[in-house]
C-alpha cells in the first residue's frame, strides 16, 4: 500500500518514512505543497492514504486535502500542532478523515491509519481486503498473514516480498524486478544472494512443502511467479 506523506520537518518526515516502511507500506515523502500537488496529479490513483501537515512553507494541508478530494475518494489524515476546535472542524468539513496532534507516538498514528483504511475498505465492496492462497490468508489492511489460522511472524522485508507477489499474481517477476522493489524497505543493502535467502525464508514460512513450492513458483531462467488463481474474499 502506497502512502503520501507531506511534512516540511525533515526529521519528522524521515522518522515517519522509516517507521511506516517497516510496517510494509510504500511511502512517498514531500516537503513542499508544490511537489505534493505534482504527485497528486500523476500518482493519486495508486495512493491509498495521505498524511498532510497543516502548515507548509508554500501552502497548507487544507489545500492539498481539497485537491485530493476533488480528484478521488482517498482518505486524508492531518498532522497538526494546533489542537483546537476551529482547525479540527475546518479540516473535517473539507473531507479529512482524521487528525493527529504533534507530538504523537508512531503506534498511535499506525492505529489511526489502519482504522481509516479499514473503514474505507468496508465502504468499497469492490476492493479486496483478504487474499486466500490455500491455507494461507493475507490481510493487507492489518499487515497480518495467517497459515492454517496461525499468525506468521514475517519480517518487514518478507511481508513486502509477499505483497509484491500478491500484487503481481500470474506474472513472472525477474530477480532484478524484485530487487528494485524491495531495496528501499530493507534496512540493509539487498543483493542477488540475499534475495535468494529471503525467498527461501519466506517459502519456509508460507509453503506446505518448501522443497516443492506451490505458492511462489520458480520459473527456470526467468524468475518467480505466484499463481494467478486465489480465493479473495
C-alpha atoms as a PDB file:
ATOM      1  CA  UNK A   1       0.000   0.000   0.000  1.00  0.00           C
ATOM      2  CA  UNK A   2       1.356   3.382  -1.013  1.00  0.00           C
ATOM      3  CA  UNK A   3       1.102   6.353   1.361  1.00  0.00           C
ATOM      4  CA  UNK A   4       1.784  10.013   0.589  1.00  0.00           C
ATOM      5  CA  UNK A   5       3.365  11.998   3.435  1.00  0.00           C
ATOM      6  CA  UNK A   6       3.684  15.784   3.162  1.00  0.00           C
ATOM      7  CA  UNK A   7       5.694  17.167   6.081  1.00  0.00           C
ATOM      8  CA  UNK A   8       8.127  20.086   5.969  1.00  0.00           C
ATOM      9  CA  UNK A   9      10.018  18.988   9.094  1.00  0.00           C
ATOM     10  CA  UNK A  10      12.552  16.643   7.535  1.00  0.00           C
ATOM     11  CA  UNK A  11      13.344  14.915  10.826  1.00  0.00           C
ATOM     12  CA  UNK A  12       9.696  14.031  11.403  1.00  0.00           C
ATOM     13  CA  UNK A  13       9.239  13.062   7.759  1.00  0.00           C
ATOM     14  CA  UNK A  14      12.279  10.776   7.827  1.00  0.00           C
ATOM     15  CA  UNK A  15      11.084   9.085  11.009  1.00  0.00           C
ATOM     16  CA  UNK A  16       7.616   8.516   9.574  1.00  0.00           C
ATOM     17  CA  UNK A  17       9.042   7.163   6.333  1.00  0.00           C
ATOM     18  CA  UNK A  18      11.277   4.677   8.144  1.00  0.00           C
ATOM     19  CA  UNK A  19       8.641   3.507  10.652  1.00  0.00           C
ATOM     20  CA  UNK A  20       5.826   3.092   8.133  1.00  0.00           C
ATOM     21  CA  UNK A  21       8.144   1.360   5.648  1.00  0.00           C
ATOM     22  CA  UNK A  22       8.994  -1.125   8.379  1.00  0.00           C
ATOM     23  CA  UNK A  23       5.283  -1.905   8.614  1.00  0.00           C
ATOM     24  CA  UNK A  24       5.199  -2.798   4.940  1.00  0.00           C
ATOM     25  CA  UNK A  25       3.886   0.433   3.447  1.00  0.00           C
ATOM     26  CA  UNK A  26       5.408   2.040   0.367  1.00  0.00           C
ATOM     27  CA  UNK A  27       5.989   5.663   1.300  1.00  0.00           C
ATOM     28  CA  UNK A  28       6.295   8.809  -0.824  1.00  0.00           C
ATOM     29  CA  UNK A  29       7.580  11.875   1.054  1.00  0.00           C
ATOM     30  CA  UNK A  30       7.242  15.526   0.013  1.00  0.00           C
ATOM     31  CA  UNK A  31       8.407  18.555   1.992  1.00  0.00           C
ATOM     32  CA  UNK A  32       6.540  21.204  -0.021  1.00  0.00           C
ATOM     33  CA  UNK A  33       2.990  21.644  -1.298  1.00  0.00           C
ATOM     34  CA  UNK A  34       4.149  22.113  -4.889  1.00  0.00           C
ATOM     35  CA  UNK A  35       5.841  18.726  -5.034  1.00  0.00           C
ATOM     36  CA  UNK A  36       2.830  17.139  -3.365  1.00  0.00           C
ATOM     37  CA  UNK A  37       0.479  18.639  -5.950  1.00  0.00           C
ATOM     38  CA  UNK A  38       2.584  17.058  -8.707  1.00  0.00           C
ATOM     39  CA  UNK A  39       2.317  13.646  -7.025  1.00  0.00           C
ATOM     40  CA  UNK A  40      -1.438  14.109  -6.561  1.00  0.00           C
ATOM     41  CA  UNK A  41      -1.809  14.944 -10.258  1.00  0.00           C
ATOM     42  CA  UNK A  42       0.237  11.968 -11.500  1.00  0.00           C
ATOM     43  CA  UNK A  43       0.078   9.180  -8.914  1.00  0.00           C
ATOM     44  CA  UNK A  44      -3.127   9.606  -6.885  1.00  0.00           C
ATOM     45  CA  UNK A  45      -4.708   6.505  -8.435  1.00  0.00           C
ATOM     46  CA  UNK A  46      -2.037   4.350  -6.760  1.00  0.00           C
ATOM     47  CA  UNK A  47      -2.112   6.068  -3.341  1.00  0.00           C
ATOM     48  CA  UNK A  48      -4.176   4.520  -0.545  1.00  0.00           C
ATOM     49  CA  UNK A  49      -3.908   7.269   2.078  1.00  0.00           C
ATOM     50  CA  UNK A  50      -2.441  10.775   2.539  1.00  0.00           C
ATOM     51  CA  UNK A  51      -0.828  12.291   5.630  1.00  0.00           C
ATOM     52  CA  UNK A  52      -0.723  16.090   5.377  1.00  0.00           C
ATOM     53  CA  UNK A  53       0.949  18.581   7.690  1.00  0.00           C
ATOM     54  CA  UNK A  54      -1.368  21.582   8.017  1.00  0.00           C
ATOM     55  CA  UNK A  55       1.371  24.244   7.840  1.00  0.00           C
ATOM     56  CA  UNK A  56       3.731  24.078   4.853  1.00  0.00           C
ATOM     57  CA  UNK A  57       6.253  26.623   3.523  1.00  0.00           C
ATOM     58  CA  UNK A  58       4.360  27.153   0.273  1.00  0.00           C
ATOM     59  CA  UNK A  59       0.797  26.186   1.116  1.00  0.00           C
ATOM     60  CA  UNK A  60      -1.339  24.246   3.552  1.00  0.00           C
ATOM     61  CA  UNK A  61      -2.649  20.781   4.161  1.00  0.00           C
ATOM     62  CA  UNK A  62      -6.152  22.163   3.647  1.00  0.00           C
ATOM     63  CA  UNK A  63      -5.368  22.993   0.016  1.00  0.00           C
ATOM     64  CA  UNK A  64      -3.845  19.556  -0.583  1.00  0.00           C
ATOM     65  CA  UNK A  65      -6.844  17.851   1.021  1.00  0.00           C
ATOM     66  CA  UNK A  66      -9.196  19.795  -1.239  1.00  0.00           C
ATOM     67  CA  UNK A  67      -7.130  18.826  -4.273  1.00  0.00           C
ATOM     68  CA  UNK A  68      -7.206  15.136  -3.327  1.00  0.00           C
ATOM     69  CA  UNK A  69     -10.927  15.031  -2.592  1.00  0.00           C
ATOM     70  CA  UNK A  70     -11.746  16.743  -5.896  1.00  0.00           C
ATOM     71  CA  UNK A  71      -9.942  14.008  -7.803  1.00  0.00           C
ATOM     72  CA  UNK A  72     -10.583  10.788  -5.879  1.00  0.00           C
ATOM     73  CA  UNK A  73     -12.038   9.226  -2.760  1.00  0.00           C
ATOM     74  CA  UNK A  74      -8.702   8.827  -0.998  1.00  0.00           C
ATOM     75  CA  UNK A  75      -8.546   9.163   2.812  1.00  0.00           C
ATOM     76  CA  UNK A  76      -6.637  12.055   4.375  1.00  0.00           C
ATOM     77  CA  UNK A  77      -5.218  12.378   7.895  1.00  0.00           C
ATOM     78  CA  UNK A  78      -3.953  15.766   9.082  1.00  0.00           C
ATOM     79  CA  UNK A  79      -0.778  16.205  11.145  1.00  0.00           C
ATOM     80  CA  UNK A  80      -1.079  19.350  13.249  1.00  0.00           C
ATOM     81  CA  UNK A  81       0.469  21.137  16.212  1.00  0.00           C
ATOM     82  CA  UNK A  82      -2.766  23.021  16.767  1.00  0.00           C
ATOM     83  CA  UNK A  83      -5.391  21.096  18.695  1.00  0.00           C
ATOM     84  CA  UNK A  84      -8.320  23.491  18.694  1.00  0.00           C
ATOM     85  CA  UNK A  85     -11.917  23.079  17.646  1.00  0.00           C
ATOM     86  CA  UNK A  86     -11.794  25.573  14.762  1.00  0.00           C
ATOM     87  CA  UNK A  87      -8.927  23.860  12.941  1.00  0.00           C
ATOM     88  CA  UNK A  88     -10.297  20.381  13.566  1.00  0.00           C
ATOM     89  CA  UNK A  89     -13.799  21.239  12.367  1.00  0.00           C
ATOM     90  CA  UNK A  90     -12.429  23.067   9.315  1.00  0.00           C
ATOM     91  CA  UNK A  91     -10.359  20.049   8.310  1.00  0.00           C
ATOM     92  CA  UNK A  92     -13.167  17.566   8.835  1.00  0.00           C
ATOM     93  CA  UNK A  93     -15.597  19.785   6.919  1.00  0.00           C
ATOM     94  CA  UNK A  94     -13.187  19.726   3.978  1.00  0.00           C
ATOM     95  CA  UNK A  95     -13.367  15.954   3.907  1.00  0.00           C
ATOM     96  CA  UNK A  96     -10.420  14.950   6.092  1.00  0.00           C
ATOM     97  CA  UNK A  97     -10.943  11.574   7.725  1.00  0.00           C
ATOM     98  CA  UNK A  98      -8.941  12.100  10.909  1.00  0.00           C
ATOM     99  CA  UNK A  99      -6.273  14.255  12.511  1.00  0.00           C
ATOM    100  CA  UNK A 100      -3.477  13.671  14.989  1.00  0.00           C
ATOM    101  CA  UNK A 101      -1.709  16.284  17.091  1.00  0.00           C
ATOM    102  CA  UNK A 102       2.075  16.510  17.332  1.00  0.00           C
ATOM    103  CA  UNK A 103       3.948  15.137  19.125  1.00  0.00           C
ATOM    104  CA  UNK A 104       2.427  11.710  18.658  1.00  0.00           C
ATOM    105  CA  UNK A 105       3.545   8.125  19.042  1.00  0.00           C
ATOM    106  CA  UNK A 106       4.069   6.135  15.869  1.00  0.00           C
ATOM    107  CA  UNK A 107       1.890   3.337  17.258  1.00  0.00           C
ATOM    108  CA  UNK A 108      -0.999   5.740  17.634  1.00  0.00           C
ATOM    109  CA  UNK A 109      -0.565   7.037  14.083  1.00  0.00           C
ATOM    110  CA  UNK A 110      -0.278   3.480  12.738  1.00  0.00           C
ATOM    111  CA  UNK A 111      -3.500   2.552  14.516  1.00  0.00           C
ATOM    112  CA  UNK A 112      -5.279   5.605  13.072  1.00  0.00           C
ATOM    113  CA  UNK A 113      -4.063   4.732   9.574  1.00  0.00           C
ATOM    114  CA  UNK A 114      -5.312   1.148   9.841  1.00  0.00           C
ATOM    115  CA  UNK A 115      -8.667   2.263  11.228  1.00  0.00           C
ATOM    116  CA  UNK A 116      -9.237   4.747   8.405  1.00  0.00           C
ATOM    117  CA  UNK A 117      -8.140   2.260   5.737  1.00  0.00           C
ATOM    118  CA  UNK A 118     -10.389  -0.414   7.219  1.00  0.00           C
ATOM    119  CA  UNK A 119     -13.340   1.970   7.153  1.00  0.00           C
ATOM    120  CA  UNK A 120     -12.706   2.819   3.515  1.00  0.00           C
ATOM    121  CA  UNK A 121     -12.271  -0.848   2.686  1.00  0.00           C
ATOM    122  CA  UNK A 122     -15.634  -1.740   4.183  1.00  0.00           C
ATOM    123  CA  UNK A 123     -17.306   1.081   2.258  1.00  0.00           C
ATOM    124  CA  UNK A 124     -15.871  -0.136  -1.035  1.00  0.00           C
ATOM    125  CA  UNK A 125     -17.138  -3.618  -1.817  1.00  0.00           C
ATOM    126  CA  UNK A 126     -15.054  -3.755  -4.993  1.00  0.00           C
ATOM    127  CA  UNK A 127     -11.803  -3.760  -3.028  1.00  0.00           C
ATOM    128  CA  UNK A 128     -10.307  -6.975  -1.724  1.00  0.00           C
ATOM    129  CA  UNK A 129      -9.242  -6.901   1.907  1.00  0.00           C
ATOM    130  CA  UNK A 130      -8.348 -10.576   2.195  1.00  0.00           C
ATOM    131  CA  UNK A 131      -6.382 -12.908  -0.039  1.00  0.00           C
ATOM    132  CA  UNK A 132      -6.579 -16.642   0.477  1.00  0.00           C
ATOM    133  CA  UNK A 133      -3.984 -18.892  -1.093  1.00  0.00           C
ATOM    134  CA  UNK A 134      -4.668 -22.437   0.034  1.00  0.00           C
ATOM    135  CA  UNK A 135      -4.234 -22.464   3.810  1.00  0.00           C
ATOM    136  CA  UNK A 136      -2.581 -19.034   3.654  1.00  0.00           C
ATOM    137  CA  UNK A 137      -4.637 -15.919   4.439  1.00  0.00           C
ATOM    138  CA  UNK A 138      -3.293 -12.410   3.944  1.00  0.00           C
ATOM    139  CA  UNK A 139      -4.906  -9.302   5.455  1.00  0.00           C
ATOM    140  CA  UNK A 140      -3.229  -6.270   3.779  1.00  0.00           C
ATOM    141  CA  UNK A 141      -5.039  -3.642   5.864  1.00  0.00           C
ATOM    142  CA  UNK A 142      -3.819  -5.178   9.127  1.00  0.00           C
ATOM    143  CA  UNK A 143      -0.486  -6.263   7.696  1.00  0.00           C
ATOM    144  CA  UNK A 144      -1.056  -9.784   9.006  1.00  0.00           C
ATOM    145  CA  UNK A 145      -0.578 -13.222   7.471  1.00  0.00           C
ATOM    146  CA  UNK A 146      -2.056 -16.488   8.749  1.00  0.00           C
ATOM    147  CA  UNK A 147      -1.342 -20.085   7.812  1.00  0.00           C
ATOM    148  CA  UNK A 148      -3.908 -22.641   8.961  1.00  0.00           C
ATOM    149  CA  UNK A 149      -5.321 -19.926  11.272  1.00  0.00           C
ATOM    150  CA  UNK A 150      -1.952 -19.361  12.964  1.00  0.00           C
ATOM    151  CA  UNK A 151      -0.383 -15.915  12.565  1.00  0.00           C
ATOM    152  CA  UNK A 152       3.016 -15.958  10.889  1.00  0.00           C
ATOM    153  CA  UNK A 153       5.882 -13.819  12.163  1.00  0.00           C
ATOM    154  CA  UNK A 154       7.162 -12.214   8.969  1.00  0.00           C
ATOM    155  CA  UNK A 155       9.863  -9.561   8.872  1.00  0.00           C
ATOM    156  CA  UNK A 156       9.044  -6.281   7.128  1.00  0.00           C
ATOM    157  CA  UNK A 157      11.022  -7.349   4.081  1.00  0.00           C
ATOM    158  CA  UNK A 158       9.446 -10.824   3.961  1.00  0.00           C
ATOM    159  CA  UNK A 159       5.985  -9.240   4.145  1.00  0.00           C
ATOM    160  CA  UNK A 160       6.886  -6.721   1.455  1.00  0.00           C
ATOM    161  CA  UNK A 161       8.169  -9.534  -0.751  1.00  0.00           C
ATOM    162  CA  UNK A 162       4.944 -11.489  -0.274  1.00  0.00           C
ATOM    163  CA  UNK A 163       2.817  -8.429  -1.140  1.00  0.00           C
ATOM    164  CA  UNK A 164       4.857  -7.841  -4.303  1.00  0.00           C
ATOM    165  CA  UNK A 165       3.994 -11.348  -5.471  1.00  0.00           C
ATOM    166  CA  UNK A 166       0.313 -10.916  -4.498  1.00  0.00           C
ATOM    167  CA  UNK A 167       0.076  -7.634  -6.405  1.00  0.00           C
ATOM    168  CA  UNK A 168       1.576  -9.312  -9.485  1.00  0.00           C
ATOM    169  CA  UNK A 169      -0.182 -12.690  -9.350  1.00  0.00           C
ATOM    170  CA  UNK A 170       0.255 -14.683 -12.522  1.00  0.00           C
ATOM    171  CA  UNK A 171       3.172 -12.542 -13.689  1.00  0.00           C
ATOM    172  CA  UNK A 172       6.758 -13.697 -13.926  1.00  0.00           C
ATOM    173  CA  UNK A 173       8.974 -11.396 -11.875  1.00  0.00           C
ATOM    174  CA  UNK A 174      12.691 -11.376 -12.592  1.00  0.00           C
ATOM    175  CA  UNK A 175      15.202 -11.158  -9.785  1.00  0.00           C
ATOM    176  CA  UNK A 176      16.098  -7.657 -10.976  1.00  0.00           C
ATOM    177  CA  UNK A 177      12.457  -6.546 -10.691  1.00  0.00           C
ATOM    178  CA  UNK A 178      12.197  -7.934  -7.167  1.00  0.00           C
ATOM    179  CA  UNK A 179      15.422  -6.258  -6.082  1.00  0.00           C
ATOM    180  CA  UNK A 180      14.218  -2.896  -7.411  1.00  0.00           C
ATOM    181  CA  UNK A 181      11.028  -3.106  -5.362  1.00  0.00           C
ATOM    182  CA  UNK A 182      12.440  -4.230  -2.015  1.00  0.00           C
ATOM    183  CA  UNK A 183      15.765  -2.461  -1.652  1.00  0.00           C
ATOM    184  CA  UNK A 184      14.261   0.670  -0.080  1.00  0.00           C
ATOM    185  CA  UNK A 185      12.322  -1.296   2.546  1.00  0.00           C
ATOM    186  CA  UNK A 186      15.271  -3.251   3.887  1.00  0.00           C
ATOM    187  CA  UNK A 187      17.456  -1.626   6.471  1.00  0.00           C
ATOM    188  CA  UNK A 188      20.491  -3.003   4.667  1.00  0.00           C
ATOM    189  CA  UNK A 189      21.718  -3.490   1.128  1.00  0.00           C
ATOM    190  CA  UNK A 190      19.959  -6.391  -0.613  1.00  0.00           C
ATOM    191  CA  UNK A 191      21.921  -8.112  -3.338  1.00  0.00           C
ATOM    192  CA  UNK A 192      21.159 -11.095  -5.525  1.00  0.00           C
ATOM    193  CA  UNK A 193      22.425 -13.634  -2.993  1.00  0.00           C
ATOM    194  CA  UNK A 194      20.491 -12.005  -0.150  1.00  0.00           C
ATOM    195  CA  UNK A 195      17.317 -12.157  -2.240  1.00  0.00           C
ATOM    196  CA  UNK A 196      17.755 -15.910  -2.564  1.00  0.00           C
ATOM    197  CA  UNK A 197      17.958 -16.197   1.220  1.00  0.00           C
ATOM    198  CA  UNK A 198      14.802 -14.117   1.769  1.00  0.00           C
ATOM    199  CA  UNK A 199      12.793 -16.104  -0.761  1.00  0.00           C
ATOM    200  CA  UNK A 200      13.939 -19.319   0.917  1.00  0.00           C
ATOM    201  CA  UNK A 201      12.899 -17.984   4.329  1.00  0.00           C
ATOM    202  CA  UNK A 202       9.523 -16.797   3.039  1.00  0.00           C
ATOM    203  CA  UNK A 203       8.828 -20.145   1.404  1.00  0.00           C
ATOM    204  CA  UNK A 204       9.715 -21.941   4.622  1.00  0.00           C
ATOM    205  CA  UNK A 205       7.028 -19.942   6.413  1.00  0.00           C
ATOM    206  CA  UNK A 206       4.200 -19.969   3.847  1.00  0.00           C
ATOM    207  CA  UNK A 207       4.592 -23.181   1.832  1.00  0.00           C
ATOM    208  CA  UNK A 208       3.251 -26.573   2.882  1.00  0.00           C
ATOM    209  CA  UNK A 209       6.349 -28.111   1.317  1.00  0.00           C
ATOM    210  CA  UNK A 210       9.141 -25.545   0.835  1.00  0.00           C
ATOM    211  CA  UNK A 211      11.104 -28.080  -1.231  1.00  0.00           C
ATOM    212  CA  UNK A 212       8.246 -28.206  -3.745  1.00  0.00           C
ATOM    213  CA  UNK A 213       6.734 -24.681  -3.533  1.00  0.00           C
ATOM    214  CA  UNK A 214       3.192 -24.242  -4.795  1.00  0.00           C
ATOM    215  CA  UNK A 215       2.628 -20.581  -3.871  1.00  0.00           C
ATOM    216  CA  UNK A 216       5.830 -18.962  -5.122  1.00  0.00           C
ATOM    217  CA  UNK A 217       6.991 -20.952  -8.122  1.00  0.00           C
ATOM    218  CA  UNK A 218      10.420 -20.817  -9.721  1.00  0.00           C
ATOM    219  CA  UNK A 219      10.307 -20.230 -13.469  1.00  0.00           C
ATOM    220  CA  UNK A 220      13.653 -21.554 -14.606  1.00  0.00           C
ATOM    221  CA  UNK A 221      15.797 -18.955 -16.324  1.00  0.00           C
ATOM    222  CA  UNK A 222      13.215 -16.182 -15.865  1.00  0.00           C
ATOM    223  CA  UNK A 223      12.411 -15.613 -12.199  1.00  0.00           C
ATOM    224  CA  UNK A 224       9.459 -16.335  -9.917  1.00  0.00           C
ATOM    225  CA  UNK A 225       5.684 -16.370 -10.197  1.00  0.00           C
ATOM    226  CA  UNK A 226       2.693 -16.588  -7.877  1.00  0.00           C
ATOM    227  CA  UNK A 227      -0.287 -18.458  -9.290  1.00  0.00           C
ATOM    228  CA  UNK A 228      -2.994 -16.115 -10.595  1.00  0.00           C
ATOM    229  CA  UNK A 229      -5.859 -18.046  -9.007  1.00  0.00           C
ATOM    230  CA  UNK A 230      -6.829 -17.100  -5.491  1.00  0.00           C
ATOM    231  CA  UNK A 231      -9.978 -17.159  -3.408  1.00  0.00           C
ATOM    232  CA  UNK A 232     -10.025 -13.479  -2.471  1.00  0.00           C
ATOM    233  CA  UNK A 233     -12.815 -12.573  -0.089  1.00  0.00           C
END
